[in-house]
């Protein structure tokens, strides 16, 4: 896992990172995005936020 020194803070509301995801996962995210009028980026952001925030879909 990558980590930044504690003194490093984002100077903007967003920060770009590059991650490699399995093609099957991206295909599922794209299908979900298409069905819900969203982008793959939006789906990934929402999923990560839900996971880290403790929300579940069940």
N, C-alpha and C. Protein backbone atom coordinates (compact mmCIF):
# COMPACT_ATOMS: atom_id res chain seq x y z
N UNK A 1 0.85 -1.17 0.00
CA UNK A 1 0.00 0.00 0.00
C UNK A 1 0.90 1.23 0.00
N UNK A 2 0.49 2.21 -0.77
CA UNK A 2 1.22 3.46 -0.82
C UNK A 2 0.76 4.37 0.30
N UNK A 3 1.68 5.08 0.86
CA UNK A 3 1.31 6.05 1.88
C UNK A 3 2.10 7.32 1.65
N UNK A 4 1.53 8.42 2.11
CA UNK A 4 2.17 9.72 1.98
C UNK A 4 2.59 10.18 3.36
N UNK A 5 3.61 10.99 3.41
CA UNK A 5 3.97 11.55 4.71
C UNK A 5 2.80 12.33 5.30
N UNK A 6 2.71 12.37 6.62
CA UNK A 6 1.62 13.06 7.31
C UNK A 6 1.50 14.52 6.92
N UNK A 7 2.60 15.17 6.57
CA UNK A 7 2.55 16.59 6.24
C UNK A 7 1.97 16.85 4.86
N UNK A 8 1.83 15.82 4.03
CA UNK A 8 1.30 15.98 2.68
C UNK A 8 -0.22 16.05 2.72
N UNK A 9 -0.78 17.11 2.17
CA UNK A 9 -2.23 17.26 2.13
C UNK A 9 -2.64 17.66 0.72
N UNK A 10 -3.85 17.27 0.34
CA UNK A 10 -4.36 17.65 -0.97
C UNK A 10 -4.61 19.16 -0.99
N UNK A 11 -4.20 19.78 -2.06
CA UNK A 11 -4.44 21.22 -2.19
C UNK A 11 -5.74 21.48 -2.94
N UNK A 12 -6.41 20.43 -3.36
CA UNK A 12 -7.66 20.55 -4.11
C UNK A 12 -8.66 19.55 -3.52
N UNK A 13 -9.90 19.60 -4.01
CA UNK A 13 -10.91 18.65 -3.54
C UNK A 13 -10.68 17.24 -4.05
N UNK A 14 -9.92 17.11 -5.13
CA UNK A 14 -9.68 15.80 -5.72
C UNK A 14 -8.19 15.58 -5.92
N UNK A 15 -7.83 14.32 -6.04
CA UNK A 15 -6.45 13.95 -6.35
C UNK A 15 -6.52 12.77 -7.30
N UNK A 16 -5.75 12.82 -8.34
CA UNK A 16 -5.75 11.75 -9.32
C UNK A 16 -4.82 10.63 -8.88
N UNK A 17 -5.35 9.39 -8.95
CA UNK A 17 -4.52 8.22 -8.72
C UNK A 17 -4.77 7.26 -9.87
N UNK A 18 -3.84 6.38 -10.11
CA UNK A 18 -3.98 5.38 -11.17
C UNK A 18 -3.95 4.01 -10.51
N UNK A 19 -4.99 3.23 -10.77
CA UNK A 19 -5.05 1.86 -10.26
C UNK A 19 -5.39 0.93 -11.40
N UNK A 20 -4.91 -0.26 -11.32
CA UNK A 20 -5.22 -1.28 -12.32
C UNK A 20 -6.23 -2.24 -11.72
N UNK A 21 -7.37 -2.38 -12.38
CA UNK A 21 -8.43 -3.26 -11.90
C UNK A 21 -8.63 -4.38 -12.91
N UNK A 22 -9.08 -5.53 -12.44
CA UNK A 22 -9.35 -6.65 -13.35
C UNK A 22 -10.43 -6.25 -14.37
N UNK A 23 -10.25 -6.71 -15.59
CA UNK A 23 -11.21 -6.39 -16.66
C UNK A 23 -12.63 -6.79 -16.29
N UNK A 24 -12.79 -7.94 -15.64
CA UNK A 24 -14.13 -8.39 -15.25
C UNK A 24 -14.80 -7.40 -14.31
N UNK A 25 -14.02 -6.79 -13.41
CA UNK A 25 -14.58 -5.81 -12.48
C UNK A 25 -14.99 -4.55 -13.22
N UNK A 26 -14.18 -4.11 -14.15
CA UNK A 26 -14.51 -2.92 -14.93
C UNK A 26 -15.75 -3.18 -15.79
N UNK A 27 -15.87 -4.37 -16.34
CA UNK A 27 -17.06 -4.70 -17.14
C UNK A 27 -18.31 -4.63 -16.27
N UNK A 28 -18.23 -5.14 -15.04
CA UNK A 28 -19.38 -5.08 -14.13
C UNK A 28 -19.70 -3.64 -13.76
N UNK A 29 -18.66 -2.85 -13.50
CA UNK A 29 -18.87 -1.43 -13.16
C UNK A 29 -19.49 -0.68 -14.33
N UNK A 30 -19.04 -0.99 -15.55
CA UNK A 30 -19.58 -0.32 -16.74
C UNK A 30 -21.05 -0.68 -16.94
N UNK A 31 -21.38 -1.96 -16.75
CA UNK A 31 -22.78 -2.39 -16.88
C UNK A 31 -23.65 -1.68 -15.85
N UNK A 32 -23.19 -1.62 -14.61
CA UNK A 32 -23.93 -0.93 -13.55
C UNK A 32 -24.07 0.55 -13.88
N UNK A 33 -23.00 1.17 -14.32
CA UNK A 33 -23.03 2.59 -14.68
C UNK A 33 -24.05 2.85 -15.79
N UNK A 34 -24.03 2.03 -16.81
CA UNK A 34 -24.98 2.19 -17.94
C UNK A 34 -26.42 2.05 -17.46
N UNK A 35 -26.68 1.08 -16.58
CA UNK A 35 -28.03 0.84 -16.09
C UNK A 35 -28.53 1.96 -15.18
N UNK A 36 -27.61 2.68 -14.55
CA UNK A 36 -28.00 3.70 -13.58
C UNK A 36 -27.65 5.13 -14.02
N UNK A 37 -27.32 5.31 -15.29
CA UNK A 37 -27.04 6.64 -15.81
C UNK A 37 -25.85 7.31 -15.14
N UNK A 38 -24.80 6.52 -14.91
CA UNK A 38 -23.62 7.03 -14.24
C UNK A 38 -22.39 6.71 -15.07
N UNK A 39 -21.24 7.18 -14.66
CA UNK A 39 -19.98 6.84 -15.31
C UNK A 39 -19.28 5.76 -14.49
N UNK A 40 -18.32 5.08 -15.09
CA UNK A 40 -17.54 4.09 -14.35
C UNK A 40 -16.83 4.78 -13.20
N UNK A 41 -16.28 5.95 -13.43
CA UNK A 41 -15.60 6.69 -12.37
C UNK A 41 -16.55 6.96 -11.21
N UNK A 42 -17.76 7.38 -11.53
CA UNK A 42 -18.76 7.64 -10.49
C UNK A 42 -19.11 6.39 -9.70
N UNK A 43 -19.25 5.28 -10.40
CA UNK A 43 -19.58 4.01 -9.73
C UNK A 43 -18.45 3.60 -8.79
N UNK A 44 -17.21 3.71 -9.26
CA UNK A 44 -16.07 3.33 -8.43
C UNK A 44 -15.97 4.23 -7.20
N UNK A 45 -16.16 5.53 -7.39
CA UNK A 45 -16.12 6.47 -6.26
C UNK A 45 -17.21 6.14 -5.25
N UNK A 46 -18.43 5.90 -5.72
CA UNK A 46 -19.54 5.58 -4.82
C UNK A 46 -19.29 4.26 -4.08
N UNK A 47 -18.77 3.27 -4.79
CA UNK A 47 -18.51 1.96 -4.18
C UNK A 47 -17.42 2.07 -3.11
N UNK A 48 -16.36 2.79 -3.41
CA UNK A 48 -15.28 2.96 -2.44
C UNK A 48 -15.75 3.75 -1.23
N UNK A 49 -16.54 4.78 -1.47
CA UNK A 49 -17.07 5.58 -0.37
C UNK A 49 -17.99 4.73 0.50
N UNK A 50 -18.84 3.92 -0.11
CA UNK A 50 -19.74 3.05 0.65
C UNK A 50 -18.95 2.03 1.46
N UNK A 51 -17.93 1.44 0.88
CA UNK A 51 -17.13 0.46 1.58
C UNK A 51 -16.40 1.09 2.77
N UNK A 52 -15.74 2.19 2.54
CA UNK A 52 -14.98 2.83 3.61
C UNK A 52 -15.86 3.50 4.65
N UNK A 53 -17.07 3.87 4.23
CA UNK A 53 -18.00 4.51 5.17
C UNK A 53 -18.83 3.54 5.96
N UNK A 54 -18.69 2.24 5.66
CA UNK A 54 -19.40 1.22 6.41
C UNK A 54 -20.81 0.96 5.93
N UNK A 55 -21.22 1.60 4.84
CA UNK A 55 -22.57 1.34 4.32
C UNK A 55 -22.58 -0.01 3.60
N UNK A 56 -23.74 -0.65 3.60
CA UNK A 56 -23.91 -1.89 2.86
C UNK A 56 -25.14 -1.78 1.99
N UNK A 57 -25.24 -2.67 1.01
CA UNK A 57 -26.40 -2.66 0.12
C UNK A 57 -27.40 -3.72 0.53
N UNK A 58 -27.16 -4.42 1.62
CA UNK A 58 -28.06 -5.50 2.05
C UNK A 58 -28.89 -5.07 3.22
